[in-house]
Amino acid sequence: MKVRILLVAVPIAVLLAIAMVADDSDAGESFETEDGFDYEFDEEGESLYLVGYNPDEEHEVADVVVPETVEYEGKKYAVTRIGASFYQDFLKTVSIPKTVTFMSFPLFSGPNIENVMIDSENPRYSSVDGVVYEDEMYYLVEYPLGKKGDYFQVPESVVVIKEYAFASCKLKEILLPSKLLSIGQYAFSNCSELSAINSVNEVNHIPPNVTVIDDSAFYGCSSLENITLPESLRIIGTSAFKNTALKEITIPYGVSTIRSGAFSFCTQLEKIDCPNNALYKTYDGILYKEDGTKSIVCYPAAKKDAEFTIDETVGDIMPLAFSGCQNLKKIDFQAFIYILPREAFAECESLVEINIESIIVIDDSAFRSCRNLETVGFGEDLISIGSSAFSETKLKQVTISDSVQTVGSEAFRNCSDLELVVFSEHCSAEVSICAFVESFNMNAISLEGVNVNLSNGSLDIGDSSHKVVLTVAVPKGYTLPPYVVFDTENTVLDVHERIERPYPYENFVAIFVCVLVLIGIIVLFRGV
């Protein structure tokens, strides 16, 4: 019996001892040192995670050194992880110790950081000429923003350029290695001066083995006028070349995925070509996807046509498909499409007229900043109007029909010509915050029925510079919910009960009287 008791008691004692030790550990604690470093202990309380760097003026230094170890309450702990961003203007050099085995990039976003130095004994990271690499230089991780020079040659060992690696740098020309396989998310985003990539006779080339150009990889490279994509390419990510200066692009035959907005807001793009691809086709320079349903992927923003017909063969439109189109004035919508995706026609500044009677859902920002859009044909089955869907358009009057269930936040924001909004008699839509904000000329809103759900701030329109008096016509006995206006000085509501419609017999009597008067006049003139 004693042996059995010991067999039970000993493990329990051990567990209690472990629990007591765990309770005494520093796991989860955080502290700050006088030189501006913020640390947290790891889950075991045995090493430190550098989570912040915010020195006061006294401790601002151009060359900051992350320490290998830090003493806390008489005990030394190794710094093994870094998640702090070194963004301060005064920084020029950052030194990383050998103990650090994890860093959350991008880290070195300070505009004047020229050099990142990593201890040569670090087992995971290395630096050459201030540029950070990982795993024996197979991965290029980060190029410091303040590094001098407008040309850079990526070492031949690199097979992956990681996310944000060159984001916002000032390079004008870059030479990528032949072994490169992948270009990560935002890798060259907002490199506004980058105009040459493996350029030969002013023609740019992505290396021949690249299979992935990930989301927003070249987003905002506003000086990039041309690019030749390799036959090895399989994936072009969301917004991969958004806001570039491309004038035309050819899609290789091996590409199997082009995500939404890959070439959106390319305001100089006139033509897309796609020879021999099994999934993607181009007709008249417009990119379609054909996988059972014909989808419009991208309408080139600089295509010169003023009118376009979305015919009945089209089954879908991808997000941002027409975004930034310069010349389209009218779109004839013949397709039976039920969802208009986000930013589908955003910033089509010449667009004046579109009929979307088949559409059931208008997603967020679908017509945002269509600054000349005056006429939209809504269908009777429209259910949802998304956030910012018609912001900054020239709509003058809007009728929200019975079928509409939601009107998103800022759906009609800054519509300078909008004067009247009518909610039909049986409409029960939920109207979100600031649905009509900054539409300063809006002077009347009419609720034909009592079921519209006006959220807090849904009728907030004016501001300190533009005070608005909004006449609100409501059914008899209806009371507006509280807080539909946040600032009652900038948006003043003038609430009136709507005049009730005459009953059918009253209409009949009025018509009968008019007919009698008309007959009397005719008889009178005949007698004369």
Protein backbone atom coordinates (compact mmCIF):
# COMPACT_ATOMS: atom_id res chain seq x y z
CA MET A 1 0.00 0.00 0.00
CA LYS A 2 2.85 2.43 0.87
CA VAL A 3 4.44 1.80 -2.51
CA ARG A 4 1.15 2.58 -4.26
CA ILE A 5 0.75 5.80 -2.28
CA LEU A 6 4.27 6.85 -3.21
CA LEU A 7 3.62 6.10 -6.86
CA VAL A 8 0.68 8.47 -6.78
CA ALA A 9 2.14 11.12 -4.49
CA VAL A 10 5.48 11.63 -6.22
CA PRO A 11 4.07 12.59 -9.66
CA ILE A 12 1.62 14.97 -8.00
CA ALA A 13 4.44 16.61 -6.08
CA VAL A 14 6.45 17.01 -9.27
CA LEU A 15 3.51 18.61 -11.07
CA LEU A 16 2.94 20.99 -8.18
CA ALA A 17 6.61 21.95 -8.22
CA ILE A 18 6.48 22.61 -11.95
CA ALA A 19 3.36 24.70 -11.50
CA MET A 20 5.02 26.74 -8.77
CA VAL A 21 8.06 27.34 -10.95
CA ALA A 22 5.79 28.37 -13.81
CA ASP A 23 3.98 30.79 -11.52
CA ASP A 24 7.30 32.38 -10.59
CA SER A 25 8.42 32.79 -14.22
CA ASP A 26 8.41 36.08 -16.12
CA ALA A 27 6.31 34.72 -19.03
CA GLY A 28 4.12 37.43 -20.53
CA GLU A 29 5.73 40.30 -18.63
CA SER A 30 7.03 43.39 -20.40
CA PHE A 31 9.42 46.19 -19.50
CA GLU A 32 11.20 49.17 -21.05
CA THR A 33 14.85 50.11 -20.85
CA GLU A 34 16.12 53.66 -20.60
CA ASP A 35 17.51 53.59 -24.16
CA GLY A 36 13.98 53.21 -25.56
CA PHE A 37 13.70 49.45 -26.13
CA ASP A 38 10.45 47.72 -25.17
CA TYR A 39 10.70 44.02 -24.40
CA GLU A 40 8.31 41.17 -23.71
CA PHE A 41 9.21 37.77 -22.30
CA ASP A 42 8.47 34.71 -24.41
CA GLU A 43 5.90 32.12 -23.31
CA GLU A 44 8.46 30.26 -21.24
CA GLY A 45 9.88 33.44 -19.72
CA GLU A 46 13.38 32.50 -20.85
CA SER A 47 14.15 34.98 -23.65
CA LEU A 48 13.08 38.41 -24.87
CA TYR A 49 10.99 39.71 -27.76
CA LEU A 50 11.87 43.28 -28.79
CA VAL A 51 8.45 44.78 -29.52
CA GLY A 52 9.13 48.52 -29.62
CA TYR A 53 11.80 51.16 -30.05
CA ASN A 54 10.80 54.66 -28.92
CA PRO A 55 13.73 56.53 -27.38
CA ASP A 56 13.39 59.96 -25.86
CA GLU A 57 15.44 62.81 -27.34
CA GLU A 58 18.29 62.21 -24.90
CA HIS A 59 18.79 58.66 -26.18
CA GLU A 60 18.33 59.25 -29.91
CA VAL A 61 21.32 57.82 -31.77
CA ALA A 62 22.07 57.48 -35.48
CA ASP A 63 23.61 54.04 -35.05
CA VAL A 64 21.42 51.84 -32.88
CA VAL A 65 22.64 48.48 -31.60
CA VAL A 66 20.19 45.82 -30.49
CA PRO A 67 21.85 44.07 -27.53
CA GLU A 68 22.45 40.32 -27.33
CA THR A 69 21.32 40.15 -23.74
CA VAL A 70 19.42 42.39 -21.35
CA GLU A 71 19.55 42.29 -17.57
CA TYR A 72 16.23 42.34 -15.75
CA GLU A 73 15.87 41.97 -11.96
CA GLY A 74 19.40 40.63 -11.62
CA LYS A 75 19.18 38.04 -14.39
CA LYS A 76 20.35 38.18 -18.02
CA TYR A 77 18.04 37.23 -20.90
CA ALA A 78 18.89 36.77 -24.58
CA VAL A 79 17.10 38.87 -27.20
CA THR A 80 15.85 36.29 -29.71
CA ARG A 81 13.00 37.98 -31.58
CA ILE A 82 12.38 41.43 -33.06
CA GLY A 83 9.03 42.90 -34.05
CA ALA A 84 9.76 46.57 -33.45
CA SER A 85 9.85 48.87 -36.46
CA PHE A 86 12.87 51.16 -36.74
CA TYR A 87 11.09 54.05 -38.46
CA GLN A 88 12.70 57.13 -36.89
CA ASP A 89 14.24 59.80 -39.13
CA PHE A 90 17.42 60.04 -37.08
CA LEU A 91 18.44 56.42 -37.68
CA LYS A 92 21.19 55.58 -40.17
CA THR A 93 22.45 52.16 -39.06
CA VAL A 94 20.83 49.28 -37.19
CA SER A 95 22.92 46.39 -35.82
CA ILE A 96 21.34 42.99 -35.09
CA PRO A 97 23.03 40.42 -32.77
CA LYS A 98 23.66 36.73 -33.39
CA THR A 99 21.03 35.73 -30.82
CA VAL A 100 18.11 36.95 -32.95
CA THR A 101 16.49 34.06 -34.85
CA PHE A 102 13.21 35.70 -35.82
CA MET A 103 12.38 39.12 -37.24
CA SER A 104 8.98 40.36 -38.39
CA PHE A 105 9.55 42.31 -41.60
CA PRO A 106 9.46 45.04 -42.76
CA LEU A 107 11.50 46.39 -39.88
CA PHE A 108 13.82 49.06 -41.24
CA SER A 109 11.36 51.66 -42.53
CA GLY A 110 13.30 54.71 -41.36
CA PRO A 111 13.79 56.89 -44.46
CA ASN A 112 17.48 57.52 -43.69
CA ILE A 113 18.58 54.00 -42.74
CA GLU A 114 21.50 53.24 -45.04
CA ASN A 115 22.86 50.10 -43.51
CA VAL A 116 21.62 47.07 -41.57
CA MET A 117 24.44 45.13 -39.95
CA ILE A 118 23.89 41.55 -38.81
CA ASP A 119 26.39 39.62 -36.71
CA SER A 120 28.29 37.17 -38.92
CA GLU A 121 27.54 34.37 -36.44
CA ASN A 122 23.78 34.76 -36.74
CA PRO A 123 22.45 31.33 -37.81
CA ARG A 124 19.51 32.61 -39.86
CA TYR A 125 20.07 36.15 -41.12
CA SER A 126 22.91 37.91 -42.88
CA SER A 127 23.61 41.29 -44.44
CA VAL A 128 25.70 42.34 -47.41
CA ASP A 129 26.23 46.05 -48.11
CA GLY A 130 23.41 46.82 -45.72
CA VAL A 131 20.80 44.57 -47.40
CA VAL A 132 19.20 41.82 -45.28
CA TYR A 133 19.07 38.17 -46.44
CA GLU A 134 17.79 34.95 -44.92
CA ASP A 135 18.78 31.27 -45.08
CA GLU A 136 22.17 31.50 -46.78
CA MET A 137 21.02 34.35 -49.02
CA TYR A 138 18.26 32.34 -50.72
CA TYR A 139 15.78 35.01 -49.61
CA LEU A 140 16.22 38.76 -50.00
CA VAL A 141 14.34 40.13 -47.01
CA GLU A 142 14.76 43.90 -46.84
CA TYR A 143 16.52 46.72 -48.69
CA PRO A 144 17.00 49.78 -46.43
CA LEU A 145 15.16 52.88 -47.60
CA GLY A 146 18.08 55.26 -47.14
CA LYS A 147 20.65 53.16 -49.02
CA LYS A 148 22.56 55.28 -51.52
CA GLY A 149 22.47 54.69 -55.29
CA ASP A 150 19.73 54.24 -57.88
CA TYR A 151 20.89 50.83 -59.21
CA PHE A 152 21.03 47.47 -57.48
CA GLN A 153 21.96 43.96 -58.59
CA VAL A 154 20.33 41.17 -56.60
CA PRO A 155 22.81 38.36 -55.87
CA GLU A 156 22.53 35.21 -57.99
CA SER A 157 21.86 33.08 -54.90
CA VAL A 158 18.47 34.69 -54.32
CA VAL A 159 15.44 32.60 -55.33
CA VAL A 160 12.73 34.56 -53.50
CA ILE A 161 12.24 38.28 -52.98
CA LYS A 162 10.18 38.46 -49.82
CA GLU A 163 7.16 40.65 -49.13
CA TYR A 164 7.88 44.40 -48.80
CA ALA A 165 11.59 43.79 -49.52
CA PHE A 166 12.05 46.92 -51.69
CA ALA A 167 8.82 48.75 -50.81
CA SER A 168 9.04 52.54 -51.28
CA CYS A 169 12.76 52.50 -52.10
CA LYS A 170 14.25 55.08 -54.50
CA LEU A 171 15.86 52.68 -56.97
CA LYS A 172 15.55 53.49 -60.67
CA GLU A 173 17.00 50.25 -62.02
CA ILE A 174 17.31 46.72 -60.69
CA LEU A 175 18.85 43.54 -62.04
CA LEU A 176 17.11 40.37 -60.86
CA PRO A 177 18.89 36.98 -60.83
CA SER A 178 18.15 34.25 -63.37
CA LYS A 179 17.36 31.72 -60.61
CA LEU A 180 14.61 33.88 -59.11
CA LEU A 181 11.34 31.94 -58.61
CA SER A 182 9.00 34.27 -56.75
CA ILE A 183 8.34 37.95 -56.12
CA GLY A 184 6.46 38.47 -52.87
CA GLN A 185 3.58 40.69 -51.82
CA TYR A 186 4.33 44.42 -52.03
CA ALA A 187 7.95 43.54 -52.89
CA PHE A 188 8.42 46.67 -55.06
CA SER A 189 5.27 48.56 -54.07
CA ASN A 190 5.47 52.35 -54.36
CA CYS A 191 8.92 52.31 -55.94
CA SER A 192 7.82 55.36 -57.89
CA GLU A 193 11.18 55.89 -59.64
CA LEU A 194 11.71 52.28 -60.73
CA SER A 195 11.66 52.23 -64.54
CA ALA A 196 14.15 49.49 -65.51
CA ILE A 197 14.00 45.80 -64.55
CA ASN A 198 16.52 43.57 -66.32
CA SER A 199 16.22 46.11 -69.10
CA VAL A 200 17.54 45.34 -72.59
CA ASN A 201 17.16 48.12 -75.15
CA GLU A 202 14.65 49.81 -72.80
CA VAL A 203 12.49 46.67 -72.70
CA ASN A 204 12.03 45.28 -69.19
CA HIS A 205 11.97 41.58 -68.38
CA ILE A 206 11.00 39.43 -65.42
CA PRO A 207 13.57 36.56 -65.14
CA PRO A 208 12.75 33.33 -67.01
CA ASN A 209 12.04 31.09 -63.99
CA VAL A 210 9.64 33.26 -62.02
CA THR A 211 6.33 31.47 -61.37
CA VAL A 212 4.63 33.90 -58.95
CA ILE A 213 4.24 37.67 -58.96
CA ASP A 214 2.29 38.08 -55.75
CA ASP A 215 -0.31 40.62 -54.60
CA SER A 216 0.65 44.27 -55.12
CA ALA A 217 4.21 43.27 -56.02
CA PHE A 218 4.66 46.30 -58.34
CA TYR A 219 1.74 48.38 -57.07
CA GLY A 220 2.45 52.10 -57.46
CA CYS A 221 5.55 51.74 -59.67
CA SER A 222 4.39 54.80 -61.56
CA SER A 223 7.50 55.01 -63.78
CA LEU A 224 7.27 51.41 -65.02
CA GLU A 225 6.10 51.70 -68.65
CA ASN A 226 6.65 48.17 -69.95
CA ILE A 227 7.30 44.65 -68.71
CA THR A 228 7.79 41.29 -70.45
CA LEU A 229 6.43 38.40 -68.41
CA PRO A 230 8.15 34.97 -68.62
CA GLU A 231 6.56 31.81 -70.00
CA SER A 232 7.22 30.21 -66.60
CA LEU A 233 4.73 32.55 -64.90
CA ARG A 234 1.68 30.90 -63.32
CA ILE A 235 0.19 33.45 -60.89
CA ILE A 236 -0.35 37.20 -61.16
CA GLY A 237 -1.59 38.48 -57.80
CA THR A 238 -4.24 40.97 -56.76
CA SER A 239 -3.25 44.52 -57.77
CA ALA A 240 0.15 43.18 -58.87
CA PHE A 241 0.68 46.01 -61.39
CA LYS A 242 -1.91 48.46 -60.09
CA ASN A 243 -1.12 52.15 -60.69
CA THR A 244 1.79 51.51 -63.00
CA ALA A 245 2.53 53.26 -66.31
CA LEU A 246 2.16 50.11 -68.44
CA LYS A 247 0.89 50.80 -71.96
CA GLU A 248 0.29 47.21 -73.03
CA ILE A 249 0.84 43.77 -71.57
CA THR A 250 1.02 40.22 -72.93
CA ILE A 251 -0.16 37.36 -70.72
CA PRO A 252 1.97 34.20 -71.18
CA TYR A 253 0.24 30.95 -72.13
CA GLY A 254 1.11 29.24 -68.82
CA VAL A 255 -0.65 31.72 -66.53
CA SER A 256 -3.43 29.94 -64.64
CA THR A 257 -4.42 32.64 -62.14
CA ILE A 258 -4.89 36.38 -62.56
CA ARG A 259 -6.36 37.85 -59.41
CA SER A 260 -8.64 40.86 -59.22
CA GLY A 261 -7.28 44.26 -60.11
CA ALA A 262 -3.94 42.97 -61.38
CA PHE A 263 -3.81 45.83 -63.92
CA SER A 264 -6.29 48.21 -62.29
CA PHE A 265 -5.87 51.99 -62.47
CA CYS A 266 -3.18 51.65 -65.15
CA THR A 267 -4.31 54.85 -66.82
CA GLN A 268 -1.98 54.44 -69.84
CA LEU A 269 -2.87 50.80 -70.54
CA GLU A 270 -4.49 50.54 -73.99
CA LYS A 271 -4.25 46.86 -74.83
CA ILE A 272 -3.92 43.42 -73.28
CA ASP A 273 -2.86 40.43 -75.39
CA CYS A 274 -3.19 36.80 -74.36
CA PRO A 275 -2.16 34.35 -77.11
CA ASN A 276 -2.64 30.59 -76.70
CA ASN A 277 -3.78 30.62 -73.06
CA ALA A 278 -6.33 27.93 -72.25
CA LEU A 279 -8.11 29.94 -69.56
CA TYR A 280 -7.67 33.62 -70.42
CA LYS A 281 -8.64 35.28 -73.71
CA THR A 282 -8.60 38.78 -75.10
CA TYR A 283 -11.17 40.29 -77.42
CA ASP A 284 -10.52 43.76 -78.79
CA GLY A 285 -7.79 44.21 -76.19
CA ILE A 286 -10.06 43.34 -73.24
CA LEU A 287 -9.06 40.50 -70.92
CA TYR A 288 -11.61 37.77 -70.16
CA LYS A 289 -11.52 34.55 -68.18
CA GLU A 290 -13.35 31.58 -69.68
CA ASP A 291 -13.84 28.63 -67.34
CA GLY A 292 -17.47 27.84 -67.95
CA THR A 293 -18.47 31.44 -67.30
CA LYS A 294 -17.16 34.33 -69.34
CA SER A 295 -15.80 36.91 -66.89
CA ILE A 296 -14.44 40.37 -67.60
CA VAL A 297 -11.07 40.52 -65.85
CA CYS A 298 -9.71 43.84 -67.06
CA TYR A 299 -10.88 46.55 -69.43
CA PRO A 300 -7.75 48.58 -70.30
CA ALA A 301 -8.09 51.97 -68.66
CA ALA A 302 -6.72 53.93 -71.65
CA LYS A 303 -8.77 52.11 -74.31
CA LYS A 304 -10.15 54.86 -76.52
CA ASP A 305 -13.76 53.70 -77.00
CA ALA A 306 -16.45 55.94 -75.50
CA GLU A 307 -19.12 53.23 -75.35
CA PHE A 308 -19.05 49.56 -74.43
CA THR A 309 -21.66 46.80 -74.34
CA ILE A 310 -21.50 44.12 -71.68
CA ASP A 311 -23.41 41.55 -73.72
CA GLU A 312 -25.40 38.52 -72.66
CA THR A 313 -22.42 36.16 -73.08
CA VAL A 314 -20.77 37.72 -70.01
CA GLY A 315 -21.59 35.94 -66.76
CA ASP A 316 -19.41 37.82 -64.31
CA ILE A 317 -17.32 40.95 -63.73
CA MET A 318 -14.24 40.77 -61.50
CA PRO A 319 -13.52 43.43 -58.86
CA LEU A 320 -11.79 46.55 -60.28
CA ALA A 321 -12.38 45.31 -63.84
CA PHE A 322 -13.14 48.80 -65.27
CA SER A 323 -11.42 50.86 -62.57
CA GLY A 324 -9.77 54.05 -63.72
CA CYS A 325 -11.11 53.92 -67.29
CA GLN A 326 -10.44 57.27 -68.93
CA ASN A 327 -12.73 57.40 -71.96
CA LEU A 328 -15.87 55.32 -71.31
CA LYS A 329 -18.97 57.54 -71.25
CA LYS A 330 -21.77 55.00 -71.61
CA ILE A 331 -22.08 51.30 -70.80
CA ASP A 332 -24.92 49.23 -72.22
CA PHE A 333 -25.57 46.48 -69.69
CA GLN A 334 -27.18 43.52 -71.46
CA ALA A 335 -25.68 40.74 -69.32
CA PHE A 336 -27.66 38.98 -66.61
CA ILE A 337 -25.22 39.65 -63.79
CA TYR A 338 -26.51 39.88 -60.24
CA ILE A 339 -23.53 41.15 -58.25
CA LEU A 340 -21.53 44.22 -59.18
CA PRO A 341 -18.22 43.71 -57.32
CA ARG A 342 -16.16 46.18 -55.34
CA GLU A 343 -14.60 49.05 -57.30
CA ALA A 344 -15.86 47.56 -60.56
CA PHE A 345 -16.18 51.04 -62.14
CA ALA A 346 -14.29 53.13 -59.57
CA GLU A 347 -12.80 56.37 -60.93
CA CYS A 348 -14.30 56.00 -64.40
CA GLU A 349 -14.35 59.77 -64.56
CA SER A 350 -15.91 60.09 -68.05
CA LEU A 351 -18.78 57.69 -67.34
CA VAL A 352 -22.11 59.53 -67.61
CA GLU A 353 -24.71 56.79 -67.96
CA ILE A 354 -25.16 53.12 -67.08
CA ASN A 355 -28.19 50.85 -66.75
CA ILE A 356 -27.80 48.05 -64.20
CA GLU A 357 -31.35 46.74 -63.93
CA SER A 358 -30.28 43.10 -63.46
CA ILE A 359 -28.02 43.88 -60.51
CA ILE A 360 -29.13 42.72 -57.05
CA VAL A 361 -26.02 43.70 -55.05
CA ILE A 362 -23.88 46.79 -55.67
CA ASP A 363 -20.69 46.18 -53.71
CA ASP A 364 -18.44 48.68 -51.93
CA SER A 365 -17.05 51.59 -54.00
CA ALA A 366 -18.50 50.14 -57.21
CA PHE A 367 -18.91 53.63 -58.76
CA ARG A 368 -16.70 55.61 -56.39
CA SER A 369 -15.37 58.85 -57.92
CA CYS A 370 -17.26 58.47 -61.21
CA ARG A 371 -17.35 62.25 -61.15
CA ASN A 372 -19.60 62.69 -64.21
CA LEU A 373 -22.07 59.87 -63.55
CA GLU A 374 -25.54 61.39 -63.77
CA THR A 375 -27.84 58.50 -64.69
CA VAL A 376 -28.03 55.02 -63.20
CA GLY A 377 -30.87 52.64 -64.06
CA PHE A 378 -31.64 50.63 -60.92
CA GLY A 379 -33.61 47.39 -61.09
CA GLU A 380 -36.67 46.48 -59.07
CA ASP A 381 -34.82 43.65 -57.29
CA LEU A 382 -31.88 45.65 -55.95
CA ILE A 383 -31.12 44.48 -52.38
CA SER A 384 -27.91 46.18 -51.30
CA ILE A 385 -26.00 49.39 -51.98
CA GLY A 386 -22.47 49.06 -50.57
CA SER A 387 -20.28 51.49 -48.67
CA SER A 388 -19.07 54.41 -50.84
CA ALA A 389 -20.85 52.79 -53.80
CA PHE A 390 -21.80 56.16 -55.38
CA SER A 391 -19.55 58.55 -53.49
CA GLU A 392 -18.35 61.55 -55.52
CA THR A 393 -20.80 61.11 -58.39
CA LYS A 394 -23.19 63.63 -60.02
CA LEU A 395 -26.46 61.89 -59.22
CA LYS A 396 -29.19 64.49 -58.67
CA GLN A 397 -32.05 62.42 -57.32
CA VAL A 398 -32.10 58.90 -55.87
CA THR A 399 -35.07 56.65 -55.20
CA ILE A 400 -34.47 53.75 -52.81
CA SER A 401 -36.99 51.09 -53.83
CA ASP A 402 -38.95 48.65 -51.67
CA SER A 403 -36.51 45.80 -52.34
CA VAL A 404 -33.43 47.57 -50.92
CA GLN A 405 -32.35 46.20 -47.53
CA THR A 406 -29.08 48.03 -46.87
CA VAL A 407 -27.53 51.38 -47.76
CA GLY A 408 -23.86 51.29 -46.75
CA SER A 409 -21.83 53.89 -44.92
CA GLU A 410 -20.90 56.90 -47.10
CA ALA A 411 -22.81 55.28 -49.98
CA PHE A 412 -23.61 58.73 -51.42
CA ARG A 413 -20.77 60.69 -49.84
CA ASN A 414 -19.85 64.04 -51.43
CA CYS A 415 -22.40 63.84 -54.24
CA SER A 416 -22.30 67.56 -55.00
CA ASP A 417 -25.43 67.59 -57.23
CA LEU A 418 -27.62 65.36 -55.05
CA GLU A 419 -30.72 67.22 -53.87
CA LEU A 420 -33.44 64.70 -53.12
CA VAL A 421 -33.54 61.13 -51.78
CA VAL A 422 -36.82 59.21 -51.66
CA PHE A 423 -37.40 55.98 -49.73
CA SER A 424 -40.41 54.24 -51.25
CA GLU A 425 -43.50 53.28 -49.26
CA HIS A 426 -42.65 49.69 -48.35
CA CYS A 427 -38.88 50.09 -48.10
CA SER A 428 -37.35 48.69 -44.91
CA ALA A 429 -33.70 49.43 -45.67
CA GLU A 430 -31.12 49.90 -42.95
CA VAL A 431 -29.32 53.17 -43.68
CA SER A 432 -25.76 53.18 -42.31
CA ILE A 433 -23.74 55.95 -40.66
CA CYS A 434 -22.89 58.98 -42.81
CA ALA A 435 -24.68 57.57 -45.86
CA PHE A 436 -25.02 61.08 -47.37
CA VAL A 437 -22.20 62.91 -45.60
CA GLU A 438 -20.72 65.94 -47.41
CA SER A 439 -23.50 65.99 -50.03
CA PHE A 440 -23.93 69.62 -49.05
CA ASN A 441 -26.60 70.48 -51.64
CA MET A 442 -28.95 67.75 -50.47
CA ASN A 443 -31.96 69.63 -49.13
CA ALA A 444 -34.73 67.04 -48.94
CA ILE A 445 -35.35 63.45 -47.99
CA SER A 446 -38.72 61.75 -48.14
CA LEU A 447 -39.79 58.66 -46.21
CA GLU A 448 -42.86 57.28 -47.96
CA GLY A 449 -43.31 54.57 -45.29
CA VAL A 450 -42.44 53.92 -41.64
CA ASN A 451 -40.11 50.91 -41.96
CA VAL A 452 -36.83 52.56 -42.96
CA ASN A 453 -34.19 51.99 -40.26
CA LEU A 454 -32.11 55.15 -39.93
CA SER A 455 -28.91 54.32 -38.02
CA ASN A 456 -27.05 56.77 -35.78
CA GLY A 457 -25.50 59.49 -37.91
CA SER A 458 -27.24 58.28 -41.07
CA LEU A 459 -28.48 61.81 -41.88
CA ASP A 460 -25.31 63.61 -40.78
CA ILE A 461 -24.39 65.74 -43.82
CA GLY A 462 -22.92 69.13 -43.00
CA ASP A 463 -19.71 70.26 -41.35
CA SER A 464 -18.44 73.45 -39.75
CA SER A 465 -17.84 75.04 -43.17
CA HIS A 466 -21.01 73.77 -44.84
CA LYS A 467 -24.11 73.97 -42.68
CA VAL A 468 -27.06 72.09 -44.16
CA VAL A 469 -30.81 72.45 -43.58
CA LEU A 470 -32.44 69.17 -44.54
CA THR A 471 -36.18 68.98 -45.03
CA VAL A 472 -37.37 65.54 -43.94
CA ALA A 473 -40.84 64.46 -45.02
CA VAL A 474 -42.20 61.62 -42.87
CA PRO A 475 -45.50 59.73 -42.71
CA LYS A 476 -48.17 60.96 -40.32
CA GLY A 477 -47.34 60.02 -36.75
CA TYR A 478 -43.78 58.92 -37.55
CA THR A 479 -40.96 60.05 -35.24
CA LEU A 480 -37.34 60.11 -36.36
CA PRO A 481 -35.01 57.92 -34.28
CA PRO A 482 -32.59 59.81 -31.98
CA TYR A 483 -29.04 60.62 -33.07
CA VAL A 484 -29.64 60.37 -36.83
CA VAL A 485 -27.60 63.59 -36.75
CA PHE A 486 -24.55 63.83 -34.51
CA ASP A 487 -23.98 67.57 -34.79
CA THR A 488 -27.32 69.40 -34.86
CA GLU A 489 -25.61 72.72 -35.57
CA ASN A 490 -24.03 71.58 -38.83
CA THR A 491 -27.03 69.52 -40.03
CA VAL A 492 -30.40 70.99 -39.11
CA LEU A 493 -33.45 68.76 -39.68
CA ASP A 494 -36.71 70.45 -40.70
CA VAL A 495 -39.22 67.62 -40.19
CA HIS A 496 -42.67 67.72 -41.82
CA GLU A 497 -45.45 65.20 -42.05
CA ARG A 498 -46.09 64.16 -45.60
CA ILE A 499 -49.47 65.04 -47.08
CA GLU A 500 -51.47 61.83 -47.18
CA ARG A 501 -52.39 60.45 -50.54
CA PRO A 502 -56.11 60.76 -51.39
CA TYR A 503 -58.13 57.58 -51.20
CA PRO A 504 -59.25 56.07 -54.52
CA TYR A 505 -62.81 57.41 -54.28
CA GLU A 506 -61.43 60.94 -53.73
CA ASN A 507 -59.43 60.57 -56.91
CA PHE A 508 -62.55 59.42 -58.74
CA VAL A 509 -64.61 62.39 -57.47
CA ALA A 510 -61.91 64.84 -58.52
CA ILE A 511 -61.69 63.34 -62.00
CA PHE A 512 -65.51 63.34 -62.31
CA VAL A 513 -65.68 67.02 -61.35
CA CYS A 514 -62.97 67.88 -63.88
CA VAL A 515 -64.85 66.03 -66.61
CA LEU A 516 -68.10 67.89 -65.79
CA VAL A 517 -66.29 71.24 -65.90
CA LEU A 518 -64.71 70.34 -69.24
CA ILE A 519 -68.11 69.32 -70.70
CA GLY A 520 -69.63 72.57 -69.44
CA ILE A 521 -66.94 74.61 -71.13
CA ILE A 522 -67.42 72.76 -74.42
CA VAL A 523 -71.23 73.27 -74.29
CA LEU A 524 -70.78 76.93 -73.45
CA PHE A 525 -68.46 77.54 -76.39
CA ARG A 526 -70.76 75.66 -78.78
CA GLY A 527 -73.64 77.89 -77.70
CA VAL A 528 -71.56 80.94 -78.56
